[in-house]
Amino acid sequence: MKTQHDFRKGKRGRIVPPEPEPRGSSKEKVRITIRLDEAVIEHFLKESDASGGAVGYQTLINDALRQHIEGKAPKVEETLRRIVREEIGAAS
């Protein structure tokens, strides 16, 4: 081993460049950092576990957001009315 090293031609930064994300799928995703409530994460983790691990929790969150953006997510009023109808029917 050398007693002294010459770093005059050295470059700062990563030694090995990061591997590029795989491309080519029709559903390309972007890596981000996001902070969500713990209860939200727990909900989607339970949903993921219920699927037997076939669908990841991040995919479920992505699908829920996409439905909301596209206007396909159930409206709060519609859901509340359905629940009230079911409860009234069960009580009768």
PDB file of N, CA and C in Angstrom:
ATOM      1  N   MET A   1       0.843  -1.174   0.000  1.00  0.00           N
ATOM      2  CA  MET A   1       0.000   0.000   0.000  1.00  0.00           C
ATOM      3  C   MET A   1       0.890   1.240   0.000  1.00  0.00           C
ATOM      4  N   LYS A   2       0.466   2.234  -0.755  1.00  0.00           N
ATOM      5  CA  LYS A   2       1.258   3.463  -0.828  1.00  0.00           C
ATOM      6  C   LYS A   2       1.191   4.215   0.496  1.00  0.00           C
ATOM      7  N   THR A   3       2.259   4.924   0.790  1.00  0.00           N
ATOM      8  CA  THR A   3       2.246   5.744   2.005  1.00  0.00           C
ATOM      9  C   THR A   3       1.519   7.048   1.760  1.00  0.00           C
ATOM     10  N   GLN A   4       1.483   7.498   0.489  1.00  0.00           N
ATOM     11  CA  GLN A   4       0.751   8.704   0.140  1.00  0.00           C
ATOM     12  C   GLN A   4      -0.059   8.443  -1.140  1.00  0.00           C
ATOM     13  N   HIS A   5      -1.230   9.040  -1.204  1.00  0.00           N
ATOM     14  CA  HIS A   5      -2.091   8.882  -2.374  1.00  0.00           C
ATOM     15  C   HIS A   5      -2.252  10.229  -3.054  1.00  0.00           C
ATOM     16  N   ASP A   6      -2.375  10.219  -4.373  1.00  0.00           N
ATOM     17  CA  ASP A   6      -2.531  11.436  -5.158  1.00  0.00           C
ATOM     18  C   ASP A   6      -4.009  11.615  -5.507  1.00  0.00           C
ATOM     19  N   PHE A   7      -4.658  12.599  -4.898  1.00  0.00           N
ATOM     20  CA  PHE A   7      -6.080  12.852  -5.121  1.00  0.00           C
ATOM     21  C   PHE A   7      -6.322  14.070  -6.004  1.00  0.00           C
ATOM     22  N   ARG A   8      -5.283  14.554  -6.694  1.00  0.00           N
ATOM     23  CA  ARG A   8      -5.445  15.764  -7.501  1.00  0.00           C
ATOM     24  C   ARG A   8      -6.439  15.562  -8.644  1.00  0.00           C
ATOM     25  N   LYS A   9      -6.561  14.368  -9.167  1.00  0.00           N
ATOM     26  CA  LYS A   9      -7.490  14.108 -10.272  1.00  0.00           C
ATOM     27  C   LYS A   9      -8.784  13.458  -9.780  1.00  0.00           C
ATOM     28  N   GLY A  10      -8.947  13.420  -8.486  1.00  0.00           N
ATOM     29  CA  GLY A  10     -10.149  12.814  -7.915  1.00  0.00           C
ATOM     30  C   GLY A  10     -11.375  13.672  -8.135  1.00  0.00           C
ATOM     31  N   LYS A  11     -12.528  13.041  -8.119  1.00  0.00           N
ATOM     32  CA  LYS A  11     -13.800  13.750  -8.282  1.00  0.00           C
ATOM     33  C   LYS A  11     -14.654  13.517  -7.053  1.00  0.00           C
ATOM     34  N   ARG A  12     -15.357  14.555  -6.649  1.00  0.00           N
ATOM     35  CA  ARG A  12     -16.271  14.435  -5.516  1.00  0.00           C
ATOM     36  C   ARG A  12     -17.561  13.765  -5.964  1.00  0.00           C
ATOM     37  N   GLY A  13     -18.268  13.180  -5.020  1.00  0.00           N
ATOM     38  CA  GLY A  13     -19.562  12.584  -5.327  1.00  0.00           C
ATOM     39  C   GLY A  13     -19.518  11.079  -5.204  1.00  0.00           C
ATOM     40  N   ARG A  14     -20.514  10.452  -5.762  1.00  0.00           N
ATOM     41  CA  ARG A  14     -20.633   8.996  -5.677  1.00  0.00           C
ATOM     42  C   ARG A  14     -19.484   8.316  -6.404  1.00  0.00           C
ATOM     43  N   ILE A  15     -19.078   7.212  -5.874  1.00  0.00           N
ATOM     44  CA  ILE A  15     -18.041   6.421  -6.524  1.00  0.00           C
ATOM     45  C   ILE A  15     -18.649   5.661  -7.699  1.00  0.00           C
ATOM     46  N   VAL A  16     -19.815   5.078  -7.457  1.00  0.00           N
ATOM     47  CA  VAL A  16     -20.516   4.326  -8.494  1.00  0.00           C
ATOM     48  C   VAL A  16     -21.828   5.051  -8.768  1.00  0.00           C
ATOM     49  N   PRO A  17     -22.124   5.378 -10.033  1.00  0.00           N
ATOM     50  CA  PRO A  17     -23.388   6.064 -10.316  1.00  0.00           C
ATOM     51  C   PRO A  17     -24.569   5.155 -10.008  1.00  0.00           C
ATOM     52  N   PRO A  18     -25.698   5.742  -9.570  1.00  0.00           N
ATOM     53  CA  PRO A  18     -26.868   4.909  -9.271  1.00  0.00           C
ATOM     54  C   PRO A  18     -27.395   4.233 -10.524  1.00  0.00           C
ATOM     55  N   GLU A  19     -27.928   3.025 -10.338  1.00  0.00           N
ATOM     56  CA  GLU A  19     -28.495   2.307 -11.476  1.00  0.00           C
ATOM     57  C   GLU A  19     -29.791   2.987 -11.889  1.00  0.00           C
ATOM     58  N   PRO A  20     -30.023   3.128 -13.194  1.00  0.00           N
ATOM     59  CA  PRO A  20     -31.269   3.769 -13.637  1.00  0.00           C
ATOM     60  C   PRO A  20     -32.474   2.894 -13.311  1.00  0.00           C
ATOM     61  N   GLU A  21     -33.599   3.552 -13.083  1.00  0.00           N
ATOM     62  CA  GLU A  21     -34.847   2.840 -12.833  1.00  0.00           C
ATOM     63  C   GLU A  21     -35.238   2.080 -14.098  1.00  0.00           C
ATOM     64  N   PRO A  22     -35.796   0.887 -13.967  1.00  0.00           N
ATOM     65  CA  PRO A  22     -36.216   0.153 -15.168  1.00  0.00           C
ATOM     66  C   PRO A  22     -37.318   0.908 -15.898  1.00  0.00           C
ATOM     67  N   ARG A  23     -37.206   0.983 -17.192  1.00  0.00           N
ATOM     68  CA  ARG A  23     -38.187   1.691 -18.021  1.00  0.00           C
ATOM     69  C   ARG A  23     -38.907   0.698 -18.911  1.00  0.00           C
ATOM     70  N   GLY A  24     -39.935   1.185 -19.572  1.00  0.00           N
ATOM     71  CA  GLY A  24     -40.598   0.349 -20.553  1.00  0.00           C
ATOM     72  C   GLY A  24     -41.976  -0.111 -20.127  1.00  0.00           C
ATOM     73  N   SER A  25     -42.308   0.005 -18.840  1.00  0.00           N
ATOM     74  CA  SER A  25     -43.653  -0.421 -18.453  1.00  0.00           C
ATOM     75  C   SER A  25     -44.627   0.700 -18.792  1.00  0.00           C
ATOM     76  N   SER A  26     -45.866   0.339 -18.995  1.00  0.00           N
ATOM     77  CA  SER A  26     -46.868   1.341 -19.338  1.00  0.00           C
ATOM     78  C   SER A  26     -47.215   2.206 -18.139  1.00  0.00           C
ATOM     79  N   LYS A  27     -46.901   1.724 -16.950  1.00  0.00           N
ATOM     80  CA  LYS A  27     -47.194   2.476 -15.730  1.00  0.00           C
ATOM     81  C   LYS A  27     -45.891   2.920 -15.085  1.00  0.00           C
ATOM     82  N   GLU A  28     -45.201   3.864 -15.695  1.00  0.00           N
ATOM     83  CA  GLU A  28     -43.956   4.348 -15.132  1.00  0.00           C
ATOM     84  C   GLU A  28     -44.256   5.137 -13.869  1.00  0.00           C
ATOM     85  N   LYS A  29     -43.431   4.942 -12.871  1.00  0.00           N
ATOM     86  CA  LYS A  29     -43.615   5.614 -11.591  1.00  0.00           C
ATOM     87  C   LYS A  29     -42.397   6.467 -11.303  1.00  0.00           C
ATOM     88  N   VAL A  30     -42.588   7.483 -10.480  1.00  0.00           N
ATOM     89  CA  VAL A  30     -41.530   8.399 -10.092  1.00  0.00           C
ATOM     90  C   VAL A  30     -41.263   8.201  -8.612  1.00  0.00           C
ATOM     91  N   ARG A  31     -40.000   8.108  -8.255  1.00  0.00           N
ATOM     92  CA  ARG A  31     -39.632   7.952  -6.850  1.00  0.00           C
ATOM     93  C   ARG A  31     -39.684   9.327  -6.172  1.00  0.00           C
ATOM     94  N   ILE A  32     -40.466   9.407  -5.081  1.00  0.00           N
ATOM     95  CA  ILE A  32     -40.567  10.639  -4.298  1.00  0.00           C
ATOM     96  C   ILE A  32     -40.533  10.276  -2.821  1.00  0.00           C
ATOM     97  N   THR A  33     -40.461  11.290  -1.999  1.00  0.00           N
ATOM     98  CA  THR A  33     -40.608  11.112  -0.563  1.00  0.00           C
ATOM     99  C   THR A  33     -41.871  11.854  -0.159  1.00  0.00           C
ATOM    100  N   ILE A  34     -42.736  11.182   0.581  1.00  0.00           N
ATOM    101  CA  ILE A  34     -44.003  11.790   1.000  1.00  0.00           C
ATOM    102  C   ILE A  34     -44.278  11.379   2.440  1.00  0.00           C
ATOM    103  N   ARG A  35     -44.853  12.265   3.198  1.00  0.00           N
ATOM    104  CA  ARG A  35     -45.192  11.968   4.583  1.00  0.00           C
ATOM    105  C   ARG A  35     -46.714  11.801   4.681  1.00  0.00           C
ATOM    106  N   LEU A  36     -47.149  10.644   5.169  1.00  0.00           N
ATOM    107  CA  LEU A  36     -48.567  10.350   5.323  1.00  0.00           C
ATOM    108  C   LEU A  36     -48.840  10.007   6.778  1.00  0.00           C
ATOM    109  N   ASP A  37     -50.090  10.186   7.189  1.00  0.00           N
ATOM    110  CA  ASP A  37     -50.479   9.813   8.547  1.00  0.00           C
ATOM    111  C   ASP A  37     -50.275   8.322   8.750  1.00  0.00           C
ATOM    112  N   GLU A  38     -49.909   7.966   9.959  1.00  0.00           N
ATOM    113  CA  GLU A  38     -49.668   6.563  10.276  1.00  0.00           C
ATOM    114  C   GLU A  38     -50.936   5.733  10.068  1.00  0.00           C
ATOM    115  N   ALA A  39     -52.096   6.313  10.381  1.00  0.00           N
ATOM    116  CA  ALA A  39     -53.361   5.592  10.224  1.00  0.00           C
ATOM    117  C   ALA A  39     -53.625   5.260   8.745  1.00  0.00           C
ATOM    118  N   VAL A  40     -53.240   6.163   7.854  1.00  0.00           N
ATOM    119  CA  VAL A  40     -53.428   5.921   6.421  1.00  0.00           C
ATOM    120  C   VAL A  40     -52.547   4.755   5.973  1.00  0.00           C
ATOM    121  N   ILE A  41     -51.292   4.781   6.393  1.00  0.00           N
ATOM    122  CA  ILE A  41     -50.369   3.704   6.033  1.00  0.00           C
ATOM    123  C   ILE A  41     -50.862   2.379   6.594  1.00  0.00           C
ATOM    124  N   GLU A  42     -51.303   2.386   7.859  1.00  0.00           N
ATOM    125  CA  GLU A  42     -51.796   1.149   8.489  1.00  0.00           C
ATOM    126  C   GLU A  42     -52.984   0.584   7.713  1.00  0.00           C
ATOM    127  N   HIS A  43     -53.891   1.462   7.278  1.00  0.00           N
ATOM    128  CA  HIS A  43     -55.060   1.017   6.513  1.00  0.00           C
ATOM    129  C   HIS A  43     -54.624   0.288   5.240  1.00  0.00           C
ATOM    130  N   PHE A  44     -53.737   0.912   4.477  1.00  0.00           N
ATOM    131  CA  PHE A  44     -53.316   0.313   3.219  1.00  0.00           C
ATOM    132  C   PHE A  44     -52.447  -0.919   3.439  1.00  0.00           C
ATOM    133  N   LEU A  45     -51.691  -0.970   4.536  1.00  0.00           N
ATOM    134  CA  LEU A  45     -50.933  -2.181   4.854  1.00  0.00           C
ATOM    135  C   LEU A  45     -51.877  -3.348   5.152  1.00  0.00           C
ATOM    136  N   LYS A  46     -52.970  -3.059   5.874  1.00  0.00           N
ATOM    137  CA  LYS A  46     -53.964  -4.110   6.160  1.00  0.00           C
ATOM    138  C   LYS A  46     -54.633  -4.584   4.871  1.00  0.00           C
ATOM    139  N   GLU A  47     -54.955  -3.638   3.979  1.00  0.00           N
ATOM    140  CA  GLU A  47     -55.555  -4.004   2.697  1.00  0.00           C
ATOM    141  C   GLU A  47     -54.591  -4.878   1.885  1.00  0.00           C
ATOM    142  N   SER A  48     -53.323  -4.530   1.932  1.00  0.00           N
ATOM    143  CA  SER A  48     -52.316  -5.305   1.225  1.00  0.00           C
ATOM    144  C   SER A  48     -52.201  -6.709   1.808  1.00  0.00           C
ATOM    145  N   ASP A  49     -52.212  -6.805   3.134  1.00  0.00           N
ATOM    146  CA  ASP A  49     -52.161  -8.113   3.784  1.00  0.00           C
ATOM    147  C   ASP A  49     -53.394  -8.943   3.448  1.00  0.00           C
ATOM    148  N   ALA A  50     -54.556  -8.280   3.357  1.00  0.00           N
ATOM    149  CA  ALA A  50     -55.799  -8.983   3.043  1.00  0.00           C
ATOM    150  C   ALA A  50     -55.753  -9.583   1.636  1.00  0.00           C
ATOM    151  N   SER A  51     -54.974  -8.975   0.763  1.00  0.00           N
ATOM    152  CA  SER A  51     -54.855  -9.516  -0.595  1.00  0.00           C
ATOM    153  C   SER A  51     -53.839 -10.653  -0.649  1.00  0.00           C
ATOM    154  N   GLY A  52     -53.295 -10.991   0.483  1.00  0.00           N
ATOM    155  CA  GLY A  52     -52.300 -12.057   0.525  1.00  0.00           C
ATOM    156  C   GLY A  52     -50.950 -11.614  -0.003  1.00  0.00           C
ATOM    157  N   GLY A  53     -50.737 -10.306  -0.030  1.00  0.00           N
ATOM    158  CA  GLY A  53     -49.472  -9.783  -0.530  1.00  0.00           C
ATOM    159  C   GLY A  53     -49.409  -9.678  -2.036  1.00  0.00           C
ATOM    160  N   ALA A  54     -50.536  -9.949  -2.708  1.00  0.00           N
ATOM    161  CA  ALA A  54     -50.551  -9.880  -4.170  1.00  0.00           C
ATOM    162  C   ALA A  54     -50.429  -8.435  -4.658  1.00  0.00           C
ATOM    163  N   VAL A  55     -50.926  -7.494  -3.863  1.00  0.00           N
ATOM    164  CA  VAL A  55     -50.882  -6.079  -4.224  1.00  0.00           C
ATOM    165  C   VAL A  55     -50.185  -5.333  -3.103  1.00  0.00           C
ATOM    166  N   GLY A  56     -49.199  -4.546  -3.431  1.00  0.00           N
ATOM    167  CA  GLY A  56     -48.460  -3.783  -2.434  1.00  0.00           C
ATOM    168  C   GLY A  56     -49.239  -2.576  -1.945  1.00  0.00           C
ATOM    169  N   TYR A  57     -48.880  -2.110  -0.756  1.00  0.00           N
ATOM    170  CA  TYR A  57     -49.611  -0.979  -0.171  1.00  0.00           C
ATOM    171  C   TYR A  57     -49.395   0.297  -0.976  1.00  0.00           C
ATOM    172  N   GLN A  58     -48.228   0.481  -1.580  1.00  0.00           N
ATOM    173  CA  GLN A  58     -47.991   1.680  -2.378  1.00  0.00           C
ATOM    174  C   GLN A  58     -48.849   1.671  -3.639  1.00  0.00           C
ATOM    175  N   THR A  59     -49.047   0.499  -4.216  1.00  0.00           N
ATOM    176  CA  THR A  59     -49.916   0.380  -5.389  1.00  0.00           C
ATOM    177  C   THR A  59     -51.353   0.710  -5.010  1.00  0.00           C
ATOM    178  N   LEU A  60     -51.786   0.266  -3.830  1.00  0.00           N
ATOM    179  CA  LEU A  60     -53.146   0.571  -3.369  1.00  0.00           C
ATOM    180  C   LEU A  60     -53.332   2.071  -3.149  1.00  0.00           C
ATOM    181  N   ILE A  61     -52.340   2.724  -2.569  1.00  0.00           N
ATOM    182  CA  ILE A  61     -52.417   4.175  -2.369  1.00  0.00           C
ATOM    183  C   ILE A  61     -52.481   4.866  -3.729  1.00  0.00           C
ATOM    184  N   ASN A  62     -51.636   4.424  -4.663  1.00  0.00           N
ATOM    185  CA  ASN A  62     -51.614   4.995  -6.009  1.00  0.00           C
ATOM    186  C   ASN A  62     -52.978   4.841  -6.685  1.00  0.00           C
ATOM    187  N   ASP A  63     -53.582   3.649  -6.581  1.00  0.00           N
ATOM    188  CA  ASP A  63     -54.893   3.407  -7.183  1.00  0.00           C
ATOM    189  C   ASP A  63     -55.971   4.283  -6.566  1.00  0.00           C
ATOM    190  N   ALA A  64     -55.938   4.447  -5.237  1.00  0.00           N
ATOM    191  CA  ALA A  64     -56.930   5.286  -4.562  1.00  0.00           C
ATOM    192  C   ALA A  64     -56.800   6.740  -5.007  1.00  0.00           C
ATOM    193  N   LEU A  65     -55.580   7.227  -5.120  1.00  0.00           N
ATOM    194  CA  LEU A  65     -55.375   8.606  -5.577  1.00  0.00           C
ATOM    195  C   LEU A  65     -55.812   8.771  -7.027  1.00  0.00           C
ATOM    196  N   ARG A  66     -55.524   7.784  -7.864  1.00  0.00           N
ATOM    197  CA  ARG A  66     -55.921   7.855  -9.269  1.00  0.00           C
ATOM    198  C   ARG A  66     -57.443   7.889  -9.395  1.00  0.00           C
ATOM    199  N   GLN A  67     -58.149   7.054  -8.614  1.00  0.00           N
ATOM    200  CA  GLN A  67     -59.619   7.057  -8.656  1.00  0.00           C
ATOM    201  C   GLN A  67     -60.161   8.417  -8.248  1.00  0.00           C
ATOM    202  N   HIS A  68     -59.542   9.012  -7.235  1.00  0.00           N
ATOM    203  CA  HIS A  68     -59.991  10.331  -6.773  1.00  0.00           C
ATOM    204  C   HIS A  68     -59.780  11.384  -7.864  1.00  0.00           C
ATOM    205  N   ILE A  69     -58.629  11.351  -8.489  1.00  0.00           N
ATOM    206  CA  ILE A  69     -58.314  12.329  -9.533  1.00  0.00           C
ATOM    207  C   ILE A  69     -59.250  12.172 -10.724  1.00  0.00           C
ATOM    208  N   GLU A  70     -59.539  10.933 -11.108  1.00  0.00           N
ATOM    209  CA  GLU A  70     -60.393  10.674 -12.271  1.00  0.00           C
ATOM    210  C   GLU A  70     -61.873  10.808 -11.935  1.00  0.00           C
ATOM    211  N   GLY A  71     -62.209  11.095 -10.685  1.00  0.00           N
ATOM    212  CA  GLY A  71     -63.606  11.250 -10.298  1.00  0.00           C
ATOM    213  C   GLY A  71     -64.348   9.942 -10.166  1.00  0.00           C
ATOM    214  N   LYS A  72     -63.627   8.835 -10.073  1.00  0.00           N
ATOM    215  CA  LYS A  72     -64.253   7.518  -9.961  1.00  0.00           C
ATOM    216  C   LYS A  72     -64.395   7.066  -8.515  1.00  0.00           C
ATOM    217  N   ALA A  73     -63.778   7.787  -7.601  1.00  0.00           N
ATOM    218  CA  ALA A  73     -63.864   7.416  -6.194  1.00  0.00           C
ATOM    219  C   ALA A  73     -65.287   7.681  -5.704  1.00  0.00           C
ATOM    220  N   PRO A  74     -65.805   6.828  -4.819  1.00  0.00           N
ATOM    221  CA  PRO A  74     -67.158   7.056  -4.317  1.00  0.00           C
ATOM    222  C   PRO A  74     -67.235   8.378  -3.562  1.00  0.00           C
ATOM    223  N   LYS A  75     -68.308   9.090  -3.804  1.00  0.00           N
ATOM    224  CA  LYS A  75     -68.518  10.369  -3.128  1.00  0.00           C
ATOM    225  C   LYS A  75     -68.953  10.126  -1.690  1.00  0.00           C
ATOM    226  N   VAL A  76     -68.584  11.008  -0.804  1.00  0.00           N
ATOM    227  CA  VAL A  76     -68.905  10.859   0.611  1.00  0.00           C
ATOM    228  C   VAL A  76     -70.415  10.809   0.809  1.00  0.00           C
ATOM    229  N   GLU A  77     -71.140  11.679   0.100  1.00  0.00           N
ATOM    230  CA  GLU A  77     -72.593  11.717   0.254  1.00  0.00           C
ATOM    231  C   GLU A  77     -73.224  10.396  -0.179  1.00  0.00           C
ATOM    232  N   GLU A  78     -72.750   9.839  -1.306  1.00  0.00           N
ATOM    233  CA  GLU A  78     -73.305   8.578  -1.799  1.00  0.00           C
ATOM    234  C   GLU A  78     -73.038   7.446  -0.814  1.00  0.00           C
ATOM    235  N   THR A  79     -71.836   7.412  -0.279  1.00  0.00           N
ATOM    236  CA  THR A  79     -71.484   6.371   0.690  1.00  0.00           C
ATOM    237  C   THR A  79     -72.316   6.502   1.951  1.00  0.00           C
ATOM    238  N   LEU A  80     -72.481   7.719   2.448  1.00  0.00           N
ATOM    239  CA  LEU A  80     -73.270   7.943   3.658  1.00  0.00           C
ATOM    240  C   LEU A  80     -74.725   7.549   3.441  1.00  0.00           C
ATOM    241  N   ARG A  81     -75.300   7.912   2.303  1.00  0.00           N
ATOM    242  CA  ARG A  81     -76.688   7.540   2.016  1.00  0.00           C
ATOM    243  C   ARG A  81     -76.848   6.026   1.928  1.00  0.00           C
ATOM    244  N   ARG A  82     -75.884   5.338   1.302  1.00  0.00           N
ATOM    245  CA  ARG A  82     -75.940   3.878   1.209  1.00  0.00           C
ATOM    246  C   ARG A  82     -75.904   3.250   2.593  1.00  0.00           C
ATOM    247  N   ILE A  83     -75.030   3.743   3.451  1.00  0.00           N
ATOM    248  CA  ILE A  83     -74.913   3.200   4.804  1.00  0.00           C
ATOM    249  C   ILE A  83     -76.204   3.433   5.590  1.00  0.00           C
ATOM    250  N   VAL A  84     -76.773   4.637   5.477  1.00  0.00           N
ATOM    251  CA  VAL A  84     -78.020   4.943   6.192  1.00  0.00           C
ATOM    252  C   VAL A  84     -79.133   4.029   5.703  1.00  0.00           C
ATOM    253  N   ARG A  85     -79.246   3.822   4.380  1.00  0.00           N
ATOM    254  CA  ARG A  85     -80.268   2.925   3.833  1.00  0.00           C
ATOM    255  C   ARG A  85     -80.085   1.504   4.360  1.00  0.00           C
ATOM    256  N   GLU A  86     -78.829   1.037   4.394  1.00  0.00           N
ATOM    257  CA  GLU A  86     -78.559  -0.315   4.898  1.00  0.00           C
ATOM    258  C   GLU A  86     -78.931  -0.441   6.376  1.00  0.00           C
ATOM    259  N   GLU A  87     -78.624   0.568   7.160  1.00  0.00           N
ATOM    260  CA  GLU A  87     -78.931   0.526   8.590  1.00  0.00           C
ATOM    261  C   GLU A  87     -80.430   0.597   8.847  1.00  0.00           C
ATOM    262  N   ILE A  88     -81.125   1.429   8.069  1.00  0.00           N
ATOM    263  CA  ILE A  88     -82.588   1.524   8.225  1.00  0.00           C
ATOM    264  C   ILE A  88     -83.213   0.190   7.828  1.00  0.00           C
ATOM    265  N   GLY A  89     -82.725  -0.404   6.731  1.00  0.00           N
ATOM    266  CA  GLY A  89     -83.242  -1.694   6.301  1.00  0.00           C
ATOM    267  C   GLY A  89     -82.984  -2.776   7.327  1.00  0.00           C
ATOM    268  N   ALA A  90     -81.825  -2.760   7.984  1.00  0.00           N
ATOM    269  CA  ALA A  90     -81.501  -3.763   8.985  1.00  0.00           C
ATOM    270  C   ALA A  90     -82.328  -3.588  10.249  1.00  0.00           C
ATOM    271  N   ALA A  91     -82.690  -2.332  10.560  1.00  0.00           N
ATOM    272  CA  ALA A  91     -83.474  -2.061  11.773  1.00  0.00           C
ATOM    273  C   ALA A  91     -84.956  -2.362  11.568  1.00  0.00           C
ATOM    274  N   SER A  92     -85.407  -2.390  10.344  1.00  0.00           N
ATOM    275  CA  SER A  92     -86.840  -2.613  10.077  1.00  0.00           C
ATOM    276  C   SER A  92     -87.218  -4.058  10.212  1.00  0.00           C
TER     277      SER A  92
END
